[in-house]
Protein backbone atom coordinates (compact mmCIF):
# COMPACT_ATOMS: atom_id res chain seq x y z
CA UNK A 1 0.07 0.08 0.00
CA UNK A 2 1.30 3.47 -0.78
CA UNK A 3 2.12 5.58 2.03
CA UNK A 4 0.08 8.85 2.74
CA UNK A 5 2.76 11.50 3.59
CA UNK A 6 2.02 14.25 6.26
CA UNK A 7 3.25 16.90 3.41
CA UNK A 8 4.31 16.52 -0.33
CA UNK A 9 6.65 19.54 -1.62
CA UNK A 10 6.84 20.14 -5.40
CA UNK A 11 10.10 21.80 -6.34
CA UNK A 12 13.56 21.41 -5.23
CA UNK A 13 14.57 24.60 -5.35
CA UNK A 14 15.61 27.17 -2.24
CA UNK A 15 12.15 27.56 -1.12
CA UNK A 16 10.95 24.01 -1.66
CA UNK A 17 13.75 22.25 -0.06
CA UNK A 18 13.93 24.67 2.93
CA UNK A 19 10.29 23.92 3.33
CA UNK A 20 10.87 20.42 3.33
CA UNK A 21 13.66 20.60 5.32
CA UNK A 22 11.78 22.25 8.13
CA UNK A 23 8.83 20.38 8.06
CA UNK A 24 10.69 16.95 8.54
CA UNK A 25 12.86 18.62 11.82
CA UNK A 26 9.62 19.22 13.12
CA UNK A 27 8.51 15.77 12.74
CA UNK A 28 6.58 15.40 9.41
CA UNK A 29 6.78 12.76 7.02
CA UNK A 30 7.90 13.97 3.94
CA UNK A 31 8.35 13.72 0.16
CA UNK A 32 9.66 16.32 -2.30
CA UNK A 33 9.24 16.26 -6.05
CA UNK A 34 10.90 17.35 -8.75
CA UNK A 35 11.43 17.59 -12.47
CA UNK A 36 14.97 17.83 -12.51
CA UNK A 37 17.79 15.75 -12.05
CA UNK A 38 19.47 17.16 -9.49
CA UNK A 39 18.05 19.82 -6.96
CA UNK A 40 18.46 23.73 -6.56
CA UNK A 41 15.51 25.03 -9.15
CA UNK A 42 16.94 27.51 -11.47
CA UNK A 43 18.80 29.56 -9.17
CA UNK A 44 20.91 26.54 -7.94
CA UNK A 45 20.80 24.66 -11.27
CA UNK A 46 23.91 22.46 -11.24
CA UNK A 47 25.42 20.42 -14.20
CA UNK A 48 25.31 16.82 -14.42
CA UNK A 49 26.97 14.48 -12.35
CA UNK A 50 30.81 13.93 -13.28
CA UNK A 51 31.04 17.71 -14.81
CA UNK A 52 32.34 20.36 -12.65
CA UNK A 53 33.16 24.09 -13.10
CA UNK A 54 36.40 25.65 -12.63
CA UNK A 55 35.08 27.99 -10.19
CA UNK A 56 31.55 26.81 -8.92
CA UNK A 57 31.52 29.51 -6.72
CA UNK A 58 31.20 32.60 -9.48
CA UNK A 59 28.29 30.71 -10.86
CA UNK A 60 26.38 29.92 -7.85
CA UNK A 61 26.34 32.47 -5.19
CA UNK A 62 24.79 30.59 -1.68
CA UNK A 63 25.28 27.02 -3.15
CA UNK A 64 27.15 25.90 -0.19
CA UNK A 65 24.68 26.64 2.19
CA UNK A 66 21.94 24.92 -0.17
CA UNK A 67 23.50 21.61 -0.26
CA UNK A 68 24.05 21.50 3.19
CA UNK A 69 20.61 21.65 3.47
CA UNK A 70 20.06 19.10 0.92
CA UNK A 71 22.15 16.74 2.19
CA UNK A 72 20.56 16.88 5.55
CA UNK A 73 16.82 16.71 4.13
CA UNK A 74 18.02 13.22 1.68
CA UNK A 75 18.47 11.68 4.98
CA UNK A 76 14.78 12.97 6.43
CA UNK A 77 12.45 12.88 3.75
CA UNK A 78 11.86 10.72 0.34
CA UNK A 79 13.14 12.56 -2.62
CA UNK A 80 11.63 12.19 -6.03
CA UNK A 81 13.70 13.66 -8.48
CA UNK A 82 12.82 13.26 -12.40
CA UNK A 83 9.20 13.55 -11.46
CA UNK A 84 7.08 16.04 -13.51
CA UNK A 85 3.75 16.86 -11.66
CA UNK A 86 1.26 17.51 -14.42
CA UNK A 87 -1.79 17.80 -12.03
CA UNK A 88 -2.89 17.78 -8.37
CA UNK A 89 -6.00 17.18 -6.99
CA UNK A 90 -7.67 17.48 -3.70
CA UNK A 91 -10.03 15.36 -1.45
CA UNK A 92 -11.52 15.85 2.10
CA UNK A 93 -8.67 13.52 3.50
CA UNK A 94 -5.75 13.98 1.01
CA UNK A 95 -4.03 15.86 -1.97
CA UNK A 96 -2.86 13.70 -4.82
CA UNK A 97 -0.28 14.82 -6.76
CA UNK A 98 0.20 12.92 -10.47
CA UNK A 99 3.55 12.72 -11.51
CA UNK A 100 5.44 11.13 -14.88
CA UNK A 101 8.38 9.22 -13.46
CA UNK A 102 11.59 8.69 -15.44
CA UNK A 103 13.70 10.56 -17.90
CA UNK A 104 13.00 9.21 -21.27
CA UNK A 105 10.46 6.27 -20.58
CA UNK A 106 8.09 8.11 -18.15
CA UNK A 107 5.51 6.24 -16.33
CA UNK A 108 2.23 7.59 -14.32
CA UNK A 109 2.59 7.73 -10.37
CA UNK A 110 0.92 9.41 -7.88
CA UNK A 111 1.77 10.74 -4.61
CA UNK A 112 -0.75 11.31 -1.51
CA UNK A 113 0.02 13.57 1.24
CA UNK A 114 -2.23 15.30 4.15
CA UNK A 115 -0.92 18.63 2.91
CA UNK A 116 0.93 20.27 -0.12
CA UNK A 117 3.38 22.71 -0.47
CA UNK A 118 4.06 24.58 -4.12
CA UNK A 119 7.35 26.11 -4.76
CA UNK A 120 7.41 25.73 -8.58
CA UNK A 121 9.53 29.25 -9.15
CA UNK A 122 9.22 31.24 -12.41
CA UNK A 123 9.94 31.58 -15.63
CA UNK A 124 11.75 34.30 -18.10
CA UNK A 125 9.21 36.95 -19.12
CA UNK A 126 10.63 37.97 -22.54
CA UNK A 127 8.87 40.87 -24.86
CA UNK A 128 8.78 40.22 -28.72
CA UNK A 129 10.62 42.67 -30.82
CA UNK A 130 11.78 42.17 -34.74
CA UNK A 131 14.28 39.28 -35.00
CA UNK A 132 13.74 37.81 -31.37
CA UNK A 133 12.98 34.33 -32.97
CA UNK A 134 16.55 34.25 -34.90
CA UNK A 135 19.02 31.49 -33.61
CA UNK A 136 21.42 33.07 -31.17
CA UNK A 137 18.78 35.58 -29.55
CA UNK A 138 17.88 33.71 -26.22
CA UNK A 139 16.54 34.50 -22.93
CA UNK A 140 18.93 36.16 -19.66
CA UNK A 141 17.52 32.85 -18.02
CA UNK A 142 18.41 30.56 -20.83
CA UNK A 143 21.93 31.53 -21.19
CA UNK A 144 22.50 31.27 -17.08
CA UNK A 145 20.61 27.85 -17.46
CA UNK A 146 23.27 26.72 -20.40
CA UNK A 147 25.98 27.85 -18.42
CA UNK A 148 25.03 26.79 -14.91
CA UNK A 149 23.30 23.41 -15.94
CA UNK A 150 25.48 22.14 -18.99
CA UNK A 151 28.89 24.31 -18.06
CA UNK A 152 28.38 25.81 -22.08
CA UNK A 153 28.88 29.60 -23.10
CA UNK A 154 25.94 30.58 -25.04
CA UNK A 155 28.35 32.57 -27.75
CA UNK A 156 31.64 34.24 -28.08
CA UNK A 157 30.27 38.18 -28.54
CA UNK A 158 27.24 38.45 -26.28
CA UNK A 159 25.09 41.53 -25.66
CA UNK A 160 23.07 41.42 -22.71
CA UNK A 161 19.83 43.28 -22.71
CA UNK A 162 16.99 43.89 -20.84
CA UNK A 163 15.85 45.28 -17.35
CA UNK A 164 16.39 44.65 -13.64
CA UNK A 165 19.39 43.37 -11.63
CA UNK A 166 19.34 40.03 -12.94
CA UNK A 167 21.01 40.96 -15.90
CA UNK A 168 24.53 41.80 -13.83
CA UNK A 169 25.00 37.80 -12.59
CA UNK A 170 24.37 36.81 -16.20
CA UNK A 171 26.84 39.40 -17.61
CA UNK A 172 29.27 38.30 -14.88
CA UNK A 173 28.87 34.66 -15.32
CA UNK A 174 29.23 34.75 -19.13
CA UNK A 175 32.14 36.86 -19.01
CA UNK A 176 34.15 34.92 -16.65
CA UNK A 177 33.49 31.78 -18.58
CA UNK A 178 35.32 33.09 -21.33
CA UNK A 179 32.72 35.13 -23.49
CA UNK A 180 33.36 38.61 -25.00
CA UNK A 181 30.36 40.28 -23.47
CA UNK A 182 30.25 43.79 -25.36
CA UNK A 183 27.94 45.56 -22.63
CA UNK A 184 24.99 45.63 -20.57
CA UNK A 185 22.11 47.47 -21.87
CA UNK A 186 19.13 48.60 -19.01
CA UNK A 187 16.31 50.10 -20.44
CA UNK A 188 15.65 51.62 -17.21
CA UNK A 189 17.82 54.08 -15.22
CA UNK A 190 21.13 52.82 -14.02
CA UNK A 191 20.72 53.40 -10.59
CA UNK A 192 16.95 52.11 -10.05
CA UNK A 193 17.16 51.77 -6.48
CA UNK A 194 18.71 55.08 -5.28
CA UNK A 195 15.16 55.86 -3.80
CA UNK A 196 15.26 53.34 -1.45
CA UNK A 197 18.86 53.50 0.09
CA UNK A 198 18.19 51.45 3.36
CA UNK A 199 16.53 48.52 1.45
CA UNK A 200 19.31 48.44 -1.03
CA UNK A 201 22.21 48.45 1.71
CA UNK A 202 21.75 44.81 2.67
CA UNK A 203 22.66 44.28 -1.31
CA UNK A 204 25.36 46.51 -1.82
CA UNK A 205 27.76 43.94 -1.16
CA UNK A 206 26.56 41.45 -3.58
CA UNK A 207 26.27 44.28 -6.22
CA UNK A 208 29.95 45.64 -5.64
CA UNK A 209 31.03 42.03 -6.30
CA UNK A 210 29.34 41.80 -9.93
CA UNK A 211 30.31 45.28 -10.46
CA UNK A 212 34.15 44.47 -9.73
CA UNK A 213 33.88 41.27 -11.61
CA UNK A 214 32.31 43.27 -14.76
CA UNK A 215 34.97 45.93 -14.34
CA UNK A 216 37.75 43.42 -14.70
CA UNK A 217 36.49 41.97 -17.85
CA UNK A 218 35.74 45.63 -19.09
CA UNK A 219 32.20 45.03 -19.54
CA UNK A 220 30.16 48.59 -20.01
CA UNK A 221 27.02 49.01 -18.24
CA UNK A 222 24.48 51.64 -20.20
CA UNK A 223 21.20 53.05 -18.77
CA UNK A 224 18.03 53.98 -20.64
CA UNK A 225 19.41 51.73 -23.46
CA UNK A 226 17.74 48.29 -24.97
CA UNK A 227 18.02 46.03 -27.94
CA UNK A 228 15.05 46.87 -30.24
CA UNK A 229 15.74 44.70 -33.21
CA UNK A 230 17.79 41.56 -33.81
CA UNK A 231 19.31 40.83 -37.38
CA UNK A 232 20.60 37.86 -39.02
CA UNK A 233 22.17 36.81 -41.99
CA UNK A 234 20.59 36.33 -45.34
CA UNK A 235 19.51 32.70 -44.81
CA UNK A 236 18.29 33.87 -41.27
CA UNK A 237 20.73 31.04 -39.81
CA UNK A 238 22.68 32.82 -37.24
CA UNK A 239 22.28 36.46 -35.68
CA UNK A 240 24.94 38.84 -37.09
CA UNK A 241 24.26 42.13 -35.26
CA UNK A 242 21.69 44.13 -32.96
CA UNK A 243 19.87 47.44 -32.79
CA UNK A 244 20.28 48.99 -30.11
CA UNK A 245 18.80 52.44 -29.02
CA UNK A 246 18.82 55.28 -26.50
CA UNK A 247 15.48 55.74 -24.76
CA UNK A 248 13.60 58.28 -23.40
CA UNK A 249 11.88 57.35 -19.94
CA UNK A 250 8.54 55.78 -21.72
CA UNK A 251 11.02 53.61 -23.43
CA UNK A 252 10.49 55.26 -26.72
CA UNK A 253 13.86 55.18 -29.04
CA UNK A 254 15.66 58.72 -29.16
CA UNK A 255 18.86 57.16 -31.32
CA UNK A 256 19.90 53.81 -32.71
CA UNK A 257 23.08 52.36 -33.40
CA UNK A 258 24.32 49.04 -34.34
CA UNK A 259 26.71 46.23 -32.48
CA UNK A 260 27.97 43.10 -34.10
CA UNK A 261 27.58 40.08 -32.25
CA UNK A 262 26.49 36.48 -32.53
CA UNK A 263 24.19 36.00 -29.60
CA UNK A 264 21.76 38.08 -27.30
CA UNK A 265 21.13 37.35 -23.95
CA UNK A 266 17.64 39.53 -22.79
CA UNK A 267 15.68 39.37 -20.16
CA UNK A 268 12.44 41.44 -18.79
CA UNK A 269 11.62 40.08 -15.37
CA UNK A 270 10.00 36.62 -14.52
CA UNK A 271 6.66 35.23 -14.58
CA UNK A 272 5.43 33.02 -11.69
CA UNK A 273 4.52 29.52 -12.70
CA UNK A 274 0.70 29.01 -10.88
CA UNK A 275 -0.14 25.95 -13.06
CA UNK A 276 -0.79 23.72 -10.15
CA UNK A 277 -2.32 26.44 -7.39
CA UNK A 278 -4.86 27.59 -10.00
CA UNK A 279 -5.81 23.89 -10.54
CA UNK A 280 -6.50 23.42 -6.95
CA UNK A 281 -8.45 26.90 -7.30
CA UNK A 282 -6.20 29.01 -5.01
CA UNK A 283 -6.93 32.53 -5.08
CA UNK A 284 -4.35 34.81 -7.07
CA UNK A 285 -3.71 38.47 -6.88
CA UNK A 286 -1.92 40.97 -8.98
CA UNK A 287 1.71 41.93 -7.98
CA UNK A 288 3.10 45.35 -8.52
CA UNK A 289 4.35 44.52 -11.90
CA UNK A 290 0.77 43.24 -12.67
CA UNK A 291 1.59 39.92 -12.69
CA UNK A 292 -0.69 37.24 -11.37
CA UNK A 293 0.77 35.50 -8.06
CA UNK A 294 -0.89 33.59 -5.10
CA UNK A 295 -2.65 34.86 -2.38
CA UNK A 296 -1.13 34.00 1.04
CA UNK A 297 -1.24 34.73 4.79
CA UNK A 298 1.55 35.18 7.36
CA UNK A 299 2.04 31.44 7.40
CA UNK A 300 1.81 30.93 3.50
CA UNK A 301 -1.32 29.49 3.48
CA UNK A 302 -3.19 29.62 0.34
CA UNK A 303 -7.20 30.08 -0.04
CA UNK A 304 -7.41 26.20 -0.17
CA UNK A 305 -7.32 24.51 3.14
CA UNK A 306 -3.97 22.44 3.28
CA UNK A 307 -2.45 23.97 0.44
CA UNK A 308 0.80 25.99 1.36
CA UNK A 309 2.57 28.30 -1.59
CA UNK A 310 6.38 29.77 -1.31
CA UNK A 311 9.04 31.39 -3.36
CA UNK A 312 8.17 33.06 -6.71
CA UNK A 313 4.76 31.88 -6.97
CA UNK A 314 4.03 34.23 -4.22
CA UNK A 315 5.80 37.17 -5.68
CA UNK A 316 9.14 36.73 -7.46
CA UNK A 317 11.84 37.88 -4.73
CA UNK A 318 14.95 35.83 -5.35
CA UNK A 319 16.58 32.86 -3.97
CA UNK A 320 16.65 34.59 -0.06
CA UNK A 321 13.07 35.48 0.18
CA UNK A 322 12.10 32.02 -1.30
CA UNK A 323 14.19 30.05 1.09
CA UNK A 324 12.64 32.27 3.93
CA UNK A 325 9.11 31.69 2.82
CA UNK A 326 9.98 27.64 2.57
CA UNK A 327 10.99 27.85 6.20
CA UNK A 328 7.93 29.76 7.06
CA UNK A 329 5.64 27.42 5.14
CA UNK A 330 7.21 24.30 6.46
CA UNK A 331 6.51 25.52 10.44
CA UNK A 332 3.08 26.69 9.41
CA UNK A 333 2.20 23.19 7.90
CA UNK A 334 3.92 21.29 10.97
CA UNK A 335 1.50 23.46 13.19
CA UNK A 336 -1.19 22.94 11.34
CA UNK A 337 -1.05 19.04 11.52
CA UNK A 338 -0.59 19.27 15.58
CA UNK A 339 3.50 19.56 15.95
CA UNK A 340 4.69 22.14 18.55
CA UNK A 341 6.30 24.71 16.60
CA UNK A 342 7.31 27.95 18.76
CA UNK A 343 6.61 31.01 16.63
CA UNK A 344 9.69 32.81 15.16
CA UNK A 345 8.87 36.52 14.97
CA UNK A 346 12.52 37.30 13.55
CA UNK A 347 11.67 34.96 10.57
CA UNK A 348 8.55 36.59 9.75
CA UNK A 349 10.14 40.02 10.00
CA UNK A 350 12.99 39.18 7.71
CA UNK A 351 10.51 37.95 5.00
CA UNK A 352 8.73 41.28 5.59
CA UNK A 353 12.44 43.04 4.76
CA UNK A 354 13.18 40.68 1.73
CA UNK A 355 9.62 41.30 0.77
CA UNK A 356 9.96 44.91 0.94
CA UNK A 357 13.29 44.96 -1.14
CA UNK A 358 11.67 42.57 -4.01
CA UNK A 359 8.66 45.26 -4.52
CA UNK A 360 11.17 48.00 -4.60
CA UNK A 361 13.04 46.24 -7.27
CA UNK A 362 9.62 45.85 -9.22
CA UNK A 363 8.99 49.26 -9.01
CA UNK A 364 12.68 50.79 -10.05
CA UNK A 365 12.57 48.30 -13.15
CA UNK A 366 9.29 47.96 -14.56
CA UNK A 367 8.37 46.97 -18.10
CA UNK A 368 7.33 50.17 -19.75
CA UNK A 369 4.91 50.12 -22.69
CA UNK A 370 7.04 52.07 -25.05
CA UNK A 371 8.45 48.37 -26.04
CA UNK A 372 5.05 47.99 -28.32
CA UNK A 373 6.27 50.82 -30.12
CA UNK A 374 9.38 48.44 -31.26
CA UNK A 375 7.29 46.05 -33.03
CA UNK A 376 6.40 45.90 -36.77
CA UNK A 377 3.47 44.63 -38.85
CA UNK A 378 5.88 41.10 -39.29
CA UNK A 379 6.93 40.56 -35.53
CA UNK A 380 6.24 37.28 -34.63
CA UNK A 381 4.26 37.93 -30.96
CA UNK A 382 3.77 34.07 -30.89
CA UNK A 383 6.49 32.09 -32.36
CA UNK A 384 5.02 28.74 -31.49
CA UNK A 385 2.32 29.27 -33.90
CA UNK A 386 3.69 32.38 -35.80
CA UNK A 387 1.42 34.84 -35.09
CA UNK A 388 2.69 38.14 -36.30
CA UNK A 389 1.77 41.55 -34.58
CA UNK A 390 -0.60 42.08 -37.81
CA UNK A 391 -2.88 39.05 -36.97
CA UNK A 392 -3.25 40.60 -33.39
CA UNK A 393 -4.62 43.71 -34.93
CA UNK A 394 -6.57 42.18 -37.23
CA UNK A 395 -8.33 40.28 -34.48
CA UNK A 396 -8.64 43.51 -32.54
CA UNK A 397 -10.64 44.84 -35.75
CA UNK A 398 -13.14 41.96 -35.96
CA UNK A 399 -13.88 42.67 -32.42
CA UNK A 400 -11.33 41.05 -30.16
CA UNK A 401 -11.44 42.96 -26.77
CA UNK A 402 -9.20 41.31 -24.65
CA UNK A 403 -6.73 38.53 -24.36
CA UNK A 404 -8.88 35.67 -24.57
CA UNK A 405 -10.80 36.82 -27.86
CA UNK A 406 -7.24 37.89 -29.44
CA UNK A 407 -6.16 34.11 -28.82
CA UNK A 408 -9.44 32.54 -30.21
CA UNK A 409 -9.37 34.51 -33.32
CA UNK A 410 -5.72 35.08 -33.85
CA UNK A 411 -4.39 31.41 -32.28
CA UNK A 412 -1.64 33.42 -29.96
CA UNK A 413 -0.86 31.31 -27.16
CA UNK A 414 -2.39 27.78 -28.75
CA UNK A 415 1.07 26.19 -29.40
CA UNK A 416 3.74 24.15 -27.82
CA UNK A 417 4.29 26.92 -24.70
CA UNK A 418 0.40 27.26 -24.33
CA UNK A 419 1.13 31.02 -23.65
CA UNK A 420 4.01 30.78 -21.42
CA UNK A 421 5.88 33.00 -23.72
CA UNK A 422 3.87 34.93 -25.65
CA UNK A 423 0.99 35.59 -22.87
CA UNK A 424 2.54 38.55 -21.32
CA UNK A 425 2.86 40.43 -24.84
CA UNK A 426 -0.54 39.52 -25.69
CA UNK A 427 -1.86 40.64 -22.57
CA UNK A 428 0.00 43.85 -23.00
CA UNK A 429 -1.16 44.48 -26.39
CA UNK A 430 -4.80 43.74 -25.38
CA UNK A 431 -4.44 46.55 -23.05
CA UNK A 432 -4.89 44.24 -20.08
CA UNK A 433 -2.59 42.68 -16.84
CA UNK A 434 -2.08 38.96 -17.61
CA UNK A 435 -4.23 36.55 -16.34
CA UNK A 436 -3.64 33.18 -13.69
CA UNK A 437 -3.23 30.59 -16.40
CA UNK A 438 -5.98 27.85 -16.24
CA UNK A 439 -4.48 24.71 -17.85
CA UNK A 440 -5.73 21.33 -16.87
CA UNK A 441 -2.48 19.61 -17.51
CA UNK A 442 0.39 21.51 -16.49
CA UNK A 443 3.06 19.17 -18.33
CA UNK A 444 2.89 17.28 -21.90
CA UNK A 445 1.56 13.97 -21.21
CA UNK A 446 0.70 11.26 -23.62
CA UNK A 447 -2.72 9.78 -24.00
CA UNK A 448 -1.95 6.73 -22.93
CA UNK A 449 -0.25 7.77 -19.88
CA UNK A 450 -3.10 10.10 -18.91
CA UNK A 451 -5.78 7.00 -19.46
CA UNK A 452 -3.35 4.57 -17.47
CA UNK A 453 -3.14 7.52 -14.54
CA UNK A 454 -6.67 8.35 -14.30
CA UNK A 455 -8.05 4.47 -14.58
CA UNK A 456 -9.46 2.85 -11.69
CA UNK A 457 -7.16 0.20 -10.04
CA UNK A 458 -8.51 -3.21 -10.90
CA UNK A 459 -9.17 -5.94 -8.33
């Protein structure tokens, strides 16, 4: 008979590991489920066994502390790596987590627990521009994932562009790995947190560290600049150069120049992965940047009894905040199941400080609407279905008044990624904030596996 755990945790990043460890130390039986081959999530992504970076500390700030937690957790909880969660269900007695087990030959599997902690992280938020579908153009998170997870440098001559402090570690990591990083182009101002000196003080050391590494490699940092177009060779098989624009405060181009490069890494923030909490009916709210996030109380409890959320799903705030939230959620789950957990007001105060810093970052580095002026009629908005801007505009002329009706008429968001990449852009073009995803299946699953996973057991 399959065990019924006290707590199932989905996600082996900073929030999930901290939550699972905290709950297990409080006496709960815990199972941790993650799709990856190794723990760490996106932030602590690691190469496969047997591959070693020359300077892992440069790629993984804080990895040592995370791995100590992981080593402790492995002796106290059941760990299910290579398990992709495609659905979660709630009954009166327990939560059912439906997974696909394995790497190539996947097998359906279910995990049952009395409580559920969702710590599924976030993914890159791209905005489209002419040429963003060219080979050699990738998100900043994609470039970092290649470097951390596979020790692969994305290119030789690299331009880094977008907005937010995440551009700094990406550029520094690429430069340390041998790439010629031609520049960082920050679409907002260079000193975004100047209006929040007290909040920024705690991150000053980290920022200075990135600055020193970039200075050592002579990587220039430009404010009020953005890549507004990418250009390739005649066959469209490789990136050759990008158009860099100097911007006004609304991100409208003032002057342009070209930079020859073979790689562009760009990023405009992150989108929380909310498929699982939305499946369960958890209430969401809009964050400062308009993104939907899970609404939680002080104990990281969602609106659905027995379900907790921690990390980027409650609002993008980085690895340190995610770890703190995981610890709070683990303590709350233990207390709700009758374990004696003494109050820890210092932990709650730390979460409040880190969350305030995260809100300040979002305010300092917004995605301004001027990017929509960079688009041409033939610019692809949805790369999966190859939907250009002209098709979106035609749908609006036919009466589409929101993102959903644009999707029904022009098909953006109906391809492989199911709107994960183009959803933000379509919502902006429709004049609304992005809506929480409503996907009954969170991960691709074969029809045979779907039938097997839902078939009642035989006698």
